[in-house]
Protein backbone atom coordinates (compact mmCIF):
# COMPACT_ATOMS: atom_id res chain seq x y z
CA MET A 1 -74.75 11.37 -14.62
CA ARG A 2 -73.84 10.72 -18.24
CA LYS A 3 -75.71 13.83 -19.34
CA ARG A 4 -73.88 15.95 -16.76
CA PHE A 5 -70.53 14.63 -17.99
CA ASP A 6 -71.40 15.51 -21.59
CA VAL A 7 -72.27 19.07 -20.54
CA ILE A 8 -68.96 19.46 -18.71
CA ARG A 9 -67.06 18.09 -21.70
CA PHE A 10 -68.87 20.49 -24.03
CA VAL A 11 -68.06 23.46 -21.78
CA LEU A 12 -64.41 22.44 -21.62
CA LYS A 13 -64.25 22.22 -25.41
CA CYS A 14 -65.78 25.69 -25.68
CA ILE A 15 -63.04 27.02 -23.43
CA LEU A 16 -60.02 24.98 -24.46
CA ILE A 17 -60.37 25.13 -28.26
CA PRO A 18 -60.48 28.98 -28.43
CA ALA A 19 -57.73 29.14 -25.81
CA ALA A 20 -55.56 26.83 -27.88
CA ALA A 21 -56.24 28.90 -31.02
CA VAL A 22 -55.29 32.10 -29.19
CA PHE A 23 -52.12 30.45 -27.91
CA VAL A 24 -51.12 29.28 -31.40
CA ILE A 25 -51.78 32.74 -32.86
CA TYR A 26 -49.70 34.32 -30.09
CA MET A 27 -46.81 31.91 -30.62
CA ILE A 28 -46.59 32.40 -34.39
CA ASN A 29 -47.30 36.14 -34.13
CA LYS A 30 -44.02 36.72 -32.26
CA PRO A 31 -41.67 35.50 -35.02
CA TYR A 32 -43.91 36.94 -37.72
CA LYS A 33 -43.64 40.45 -36.22
CA LYS A 34 -39.91 40.35 -36.97
CA ILE A 35 -40.63 39.34 -40.57
CA ASP A 36 -43.34 41.98 -40.92
CA ALA A 37 -40.95 44.66 -39.64
CA GLN A 38 -38.74 44.11 -42.70
CA LYS A 39 -41.44 45.77 -44.82
CA TYR A 40 -41.03 49.00 -42.88
CA LEU A 41 -37.27 49.50 -42.82
CA ASP A 42 -37.66 52.82 -44.63
CA ILE A 43 -39.48 54.31 -41.63
CA VAL A 44 -36.98 53.24 -38.97
CA LYS A 45 -35.45 56.69 -39.37
CA PHE A 46 -38.43 58.24 -37.57
CA GLU A 47 -37.40 56.46 -34.36
CA THR A 48 -34.35 58.74 -34.19
CA VAL A 49 -36.33 61.99 -34.13
CA GLY A 50 -36.47 63.31 -30.58
CA ARG A 51 -33.84 60.79 -29.43
CA GLU A 52 -30.78 61.27 -31.64
CA VAL A 53 -32.11 64.03 -33.91
CA TRP A 54 -33.58 67.33 -32.70
CA GLU A 55 -33.11 71.05 -33.28
CA ILE A 56 -33.43 70.42 -37.02
CA HIS A 57 -32.22 73.27 -39.25
CA VAL A 58 -33.17 71.94 -42.71
CA ALA A 59 -35.72 69.25 -43.60
CA ASN A 60 -38.11 68.11 -46.30
CA LEU A 61 -41.44 66.41 -46.69
CA GLY A 62 -42.64 64.68 -49.84
CA SER A 63 -43.11 61.43 -51.67
CA SER A 64 -40.36 59.58 -53.54
CA HIS A 65 -39.05 62.81 -55.10
CA GLY A 66 -38.39 64.04 -51.59
CA ALA A 67 -37.14 60.70 -50.30
CA TYR A 68 -34.51 60.24 -53.01
CA ASP A 69 -33.63 63.75 -54.18
CA PHE A 70 -32.42 65.33 -50.93
CA ASN A 71 -28.94 64.37 -49.75
CA TYR A 72 -27.93 66.41 -46.71
CA SER A 73 -24.50 64.92 -46.05
CA GLU A 74 -22.51 68.05 -47.00
CA ILE A 75 -24.79 70.38 -45.03
CA GLU A 76 -24.51 68.09 -42.01
CA GLU A 77 -20.72 68.19 -42.33
CA ARG A 78 -21.03 71.95 -41.85
CA GLY A 79 -22.56 71.27 -38.44
CA TYR A 80 -26.26 71.61 -39.23
CA THR A 81 -28.94 69.07 -38.36
CA CYS A 82 -31.10 67.90 -41.26
CA PHE A 83 -33.83 65.32 -41.70
CA ASN A 84 -35.71 63.72 -44.58
CA PHE A 85 -39.36 63.17 -43.62
CA ALA A 86 -40.35 61.90 -47.08
CA ASN A 87 -41.63 58.43 -47.96
CA THR A 88 -42.50 56.82 -51.28
CA SER A 89 -46.03 57.67 -52.47
CA GLN A 90 -46.59 59.97 -49.50
CA SER A 91 -49.44 62.41 -50.09
CA TYR A 92 -49.98 65.84 -48.56
CA ASP A 93 -52.36 64.60 -45.85
CA TYR A 94 -49.56 62.42 -44.47
CA ASP A 95 -47.01 65.20 -44.95
CA TYR A 96 -49.27 67.35 -42.79
CA ALA A 97 -49.64 64.60 -40.17
CA ILE A 98 -45.85 64.17 -39.97
CA LEU A 99 -45.32 67.91 -39.71
CA LYS A 100 -47.76 68.20 -36.79
CA GLN A 101 -46.02 65.39 -34.92
CA TYR A 102 -42.39 66.43 -35.49
CA ALA A 103 -42.44 70.23 -35.83
CA GLN A 104 -41.55 70.41 -32.12
CA PHE A 105 -38.08 69.12 -33.01
CA MET A 106 -37.42 71.83 -35.60
CA GLU A 107 -35.34 74.89 -34.80
CA GLU A 108 -36.94 78.30 -35.08
CA ASP A 109 -36.74 79.39 -38.74
CA CYS A 110 -36.02 75.83 -39.86
CA VAL A 111 -36.17 75.61 -43.66
CA LEU A 112 -38.71 72.98 -44.76
CA PHE A 113 -38.73 71.94 -48.41
CA ILE A 114 -42.17 70.87 -49.63
CA PRO A 115 -41.82 69.03 -52.96
CA VAL A 116 -44.50 69.77 -55.54
CA SER A 117 -44.55 66.99 -58.10
CA TYR A 118 -46.85 66.46 -61.06
CA PHE A 119 -48.86 63.88 -59.09
CA SER A 120 -48.89 65.87 -55.83
CA PHE A 121 -52.41 67.20 -56.35
CA ASN A 122 -53.70 63.72 -57.04
CA ASN A 123 -52.16 60.49 -55.73
CA GLU A 124 -49.07 58.59 -56.77
CA VAL A 125 -50.65 55.29 -55.74
CA VAL A 126 -52.62 53.68 -58.55
CA ASN A 127 -55.43 51.89 -56.69
CA ALA A 128 -57.17 51.56 -53.34
CA SER A 129 -55.32 48.41 -52.27
CA GLU A 130 -51.93 50.07 -52.83
CA ALA A 131 -53.09 53.13 -50.89
CA GLU A 132 -54.24 50.94 -48.00
CA ALA A 133 -50.94 49.05 -47.94
CA MET A 134 -48.99 52.32 -47.91
CA SER A 135 -51.11 53.73 -45.08
CA LEU A 136 -50.14 50.89 -42.71
CA ARG A 137 -46.60 52.19 -42.23
CA TYR A 138 -47.87 55.34 -40.51
CA TYR A 139 -49.38 53.24 -37.71
CA HIS A 140 -45.80 52.34 -36.76
CA PHE A 141 -44.60 55.85 -35.95
CA LEU A 142 -47.44 58.39 -35.89
CA SER A 143 -49.66 59.00 -32.88
CA PRO A 144 -53.30 57.94 -33.39
CA GLU A 145 -54.50 61.55 -33.28
CA ASN A 146 -52.22 62.40 -36.22
CA ILE A 147 -53.05 59.43 -38.48
CA PRO A 148 -55.55 60.40 -41.21
CA GLY A 149 -58.63 58.21 -40.91
CA TYR A 150 -57.28 56.40 -37.86
CA ASP A 151 -58.85 52.95 -37.33
CA PRO A 152 -58.25 51.12 -34.01
CA TYR A 153 -58.81 47.76 -35.71
CA VAL A 154 -56.11 48.51 -38.28
CA ASP A 155 -53.84 49.60 -35.43
CA LEU A 156 -54.41 46.26 -33.69
CA LEU A 157 -53.59 44.27 -36.83
CA THR A 158 -50.58 46.42 -37.68
CA ASN A 159 -48.85 46.78 -34.31
CA ARG A 160 -50.20 43.99 -32.13
CA LEU A 161 -51.33 41.02 -34.25
CA PRO A 162 -49.96 41.44 -37.80
CA ILE A 163 -50.22 37.66 -38.24
CA LEU A 164 -54.00 38.07 -38.64
CA SER A 165 -53.49 40.05 -41.86
CA ALA A 166 -50.38 38.23 -43.10
CA GLY A 167 -51.96 36.67 -46.19
CA GLU A 168 -49.35 35.00 -48.39
CA ASP A 169 -46.60 36.53 -46.27
CA ILE A 170 -47.25 33.84 -43.68
CA LEU A 171 -45.23 31.50 -45.93
CA LYS A 172 -42.14 33.44 -44.88
CA LEU A 173 -42.39 31.64 -41.56
CA PHE A 174 -41.62 28.44 -43.45
CA PRO A 175 -38.60 29.18 -45.66
CA ASN A 176 -38.53 25.68 -47.15
CA ILE A 177 -41.88 26.22 -48.87
CA ASN A 178 -41.57 29.94 -49.48
CA PRO A 179 -41.11 30.61 -53.23
CA ALA A 180 -37.72 32.13 -53.95
CA LEU A 181 -37.71 35.62 -55.38
CA VAL A 182 -34.68 36.50 -57.45
CA ALA A 183 -33.75 40.11 -58.02
CA HIS A 184 -31.61 40.86 -61.03
CA ALA A 185 -29.31 43.85 -60.82
CA ALA A 186 -29.32 46.31 -63.66
CA ASP A 187 -26.43 46.17 -66.09
CA GLY A 188 -23.73 48.78 -65.72
CA GLY A 189 -23.87 51.93 -67.81
CA ILE A 190 -26.89 53.78 -69.19
CA ASN A 191 -29.07 52.15 -71.80
CA VAL A 192 -30.86 55.18 -73.25
CA GLU A 193 -33.51 53.11 -75.01
CA GLU A 194 -34.41 51.28 -71.80
CA PHE A 195 -34.26 54.54 -69.86
CA ALA A 196 -36.80 56.09 -72.24
CA MET A 197 -39.04 53.02 -71.99
CA ARG A 198 -39.05 53.23 -68.19
CA ALA A 199 -39.80 56.93 -68.43
CA GLY A 200 -42.97 56.01 -70.30
CA GLN A 201 -43.88 53.59 -67.54
CA ARG A 202 -43.37 56.25 -64.89
CA TYR A 203 -45.47 58.70 -66.88
CA SER A 204 -48.26 56.13 -67.21
CA ARG A 205 -48.24 55.51 -63.48
CA HIS A 206 -48.60 59.21 -62.73
CA PHE A 207 -51.06 60.21 -65.46
CA ASP A 208 -53.08 57.27 -66.76
CA ASN A 209 -56.56 56.51 -65.44
CA LYS A 210 -56.74 59.67 -63.35
CA GLU A 211 -60.10 61.41 -63.65
CA GLU A 212 -58.83 64.58 -61.98
CA TYR A 213 -55.23 65.74 -61.75
CA PHE A 214 -55.95 68.57 -59.31
CA LEU A 215 -58.08 67.38 -56.41
CA PRO A 216 -59.39 70.26 -54.25
CA GLU A 217 -58.59 68.37 -51.03
CA ARG A 218 -54.91 68.02 -52.01
CA ILE A 219 -54.68 71.73 -52.73
CA GLU A 220 -56.28 72.51 -49.36
CA GLU A 221 -53.86 70.14 -47.62
CA LEU A 222 -50.90 72.01 -49.11
CA TYR A 223 -52.39 75.29 -47.89
CA ALA A 224 -52.76 73.70 -44.44
CA ILE A 225 -49.11 72.60 -44.40
CA ILE A 226 -47.91 76.08 -45.27
CA ASP A 227 -50.23 77.70 -42.71
CA TYR A 228 -48.96 75.34 -40.02
CA CYS A 229 -45.36 76.21 -40.89
CA ASN A 230 -46.08 79.92 -40.71
CA GLY A 231 -47.72 79.48 -37.33
CA HIS A 232 -44.81 77.50 -35.86
CA ASN A 233 -41.75 79.49 -37.01
CA VAL A 234 -40.91 77.08 -39.84
CA ILE A 235 -39.99 78.52 -43.26
CA PRO A 236 -41.83 76.61 -46.01
CA VAL A 237 -40.21 76.37 -49.45
CA LEU A 238 -42.07 74.88 -52.41
CA ILE A 239 -39.85 73.02 -54.84
CA THR A 240 -40.09 70.80 -57.91
CA THR A 241 -37.07 68.52 -58.19
CA PRO A 242 -35.20 67.73 -61.44
CA PHE A 243 -36.63 65.42 -64.10
CA SER A 244 -34.91 63.92 -67.09
CA LYS A 245 -36.08 65.04 -70.51
CA TYR A 246 -37.41 61.53 -71.17
CA TYR A 247 -40.04 62.06 -68.49
CA LYS A 248 -40.59 65.81 -68.74
CA ASP A 249 -41.13 65.79 -72.51
CA LEU A 250 -44.04 63.36 -72.16
CA VAL A 251 -46.04 65.82 -70.08
CA SER A 252 -48.55 67.88 -72.06
CA ASP A 253 -48.35 71.66 -72.29
CA GLU A 254 -51.96 71.84 -71.12
CA PHE A 255 -51.15 69.99 -67.89
CA LEU A 256 -47.99 72.05 -67.31
CA GLN A 257 -49.93 75.28 -67.68
CA GLN A 258 -52.55 74.21 -65.12
CA PHE A 259 -49.85 72.86 -62.81
CA ASN A 260 -47.83 76.07 -62.93
CA GLU A 261 -50.94 78.20 -62.43
CA THR A 262 -51.94 76.13 -59.40
CA VAL A 263 -48.53 76.26 -57.73
CA THR A 264 -48.09 79.95 -58.52
CA MET A 265 -51.49 80.69 -57.01
CA ILE A 266 -50.64 78.83 -53.78
CA ALA A 267 -47.22 80.47 -53.56
CA SER A 268 -48.72 83.92 -54.10
CA ASP A 269 -51.61 83.40 -51.66
CA THR A 270 -49.26 82.27 -48.89
CA ASP A 271 -46.24 84.46 -49.72
CA THR A 272 -44.13 81.32 -50.14
CA ARG A 273 -41.23 80.97 -52.54
CA TYR A 274 -41.41 78.34 -55.28
CA TYR A 275 -38.31 76.95 -57.03
CA ASP A 276 -38.78 74.88 -60.18
CA TYR A 277 -35.90 72.59 -61.19
CA SER A 278 -38.03 70.23 -63.28
CA ASP A 279 -36.43 71.28 -66.57
CA ASP A 280 -33.02 72.38 -65.32
CA ASP A 281 -30.31 72.09 -67.99
CA ARG A 282 -27.83 70.84 -65.40
CA PHE A 283 -29.91 67.68 -65.07
CA ARG A 284 -32.23 67.40 -68.06
CA GLU A 285 -29.91 65.36 -70.30
CA ASN A 286 -27.31 64.28 -67.74
CA LEU A 287 -28.63 60.80 -67.10
CA GLU A 288 -25.69 59.91 -64.86
CA TYR A 289 -27.46 61.89 -62.14
CA PHE A 290 -30.64 59.79 -62.31
CA SER A 291 -31.65 56.40 -60.95
CA ASP A 292 -34.67 56.52 -63.25
CA SER A 293 -36.46 59.14 -65.33
CA ASP A 294 -37.67 61.30 -62.43
CA HIS A 295 -35.56 60.30 -59.41
CA LEU A 296 -31.98 61.34 -58.72
CA ASN A 297 -29.36 58.84 -57.63
CA ASP A 298 -27.00 59.51 -54.71
CA THR A 299 -24.56 61.45 -56.88
CA GLY A 300 -27.35 63.52 -58.42
CA ALA A 301 -28.96 64.21 -55.04
CA ALA A 302 -25.64 65.41 -53.59
CA TYR A 303 -25.07 67.64 -56.62
CA PHE A 304 -28.63 68.96 -56.36
CA MET A 305 -28.22 69.82 -52.69
CA GLY A 306 -25.05 71.74 -53.51
CA ILE A 307 -27.07 73.78 -56.00
CA LEU A 308 -29.79 74.42 -53.43
CA TRP A 309 -27.18 75.50 -50.88
CA ASP A 310 -25.93 78.13 -53.31
CA GLU A 311 -29.23 79.23 -54.87
CA ILE A 312 -32.03 78.97 -52.30
CA GLU A 313 -32.39 82.30 -50.59
CA GLU A 314 -33.88 80.76 -47.43
CA LEU A 315 -30.70 78.74 -46.87
CA GLN A 316 -28.45 81.80 -46.91
CA GLN A 317 -29.02 82.28 -43.16
CA TYR A 318 -26.72 79.28 -42.61
CA HIS A 319 -23.85 80.58 -44.76
């Protein structure tokens, strides 16, 4: 009898302990999902496509140069629908994935700007862990068939049970023991010396420790994006956004020659226009238009869009 009781107790433990663990995980996963969502506020905009935003006339893909350098407010005031599909550190394979998912909401002959930055044919991310962290955001808004290298396990951790991959972020559930992070705002005005120093940091991020600046797969992905546009009545426009001289002047002539040859080749092969504003005198030394050495601020982005409205031939259909 005693032996039978011990067996029953053992079986109950085998059932109840895992059940209790699952219950605890479920209970703390619910509040943690709200905390985890704060990391992805920059992709909330994608929820509006197909609900509040459709029949898009002008849009852009791209990484941070697309995300920050395109301000469509004035064009939208003219009655046109625009959308910024860019995200920080977004590479061409994700640009292509986004295009395949959302091209259905673009008007026929929609103008799509495709930024071509100096890191576009490599990667803006600096290591594998950063690339993995960046890839998680796409599980929140892309369909599985469109996510490059889709992994069901990653999907489970990202959308269903993020608590299982919380790491140190789990401390955010307990604000009393969570270390305080203090952000210091930049001083007003432009400190040219500091601006130049940060330009060097940006250059190092984009160019240091890269074995190859022009990866064949990135070039092929750009070809694929343009081909998809041409097959779905979308007008692709290649563009390099403005840089300050403190960033541009650090780039070697040898790299610039190979970069220009590569972009010119792609533009010629696909009969696509390329507009280069990387060394534009209207921006080069006017630091009041920049948030850092290679990104425009809101004022600069609005001014830049006004220039594009006047100068980009593909936009003339809306005049």
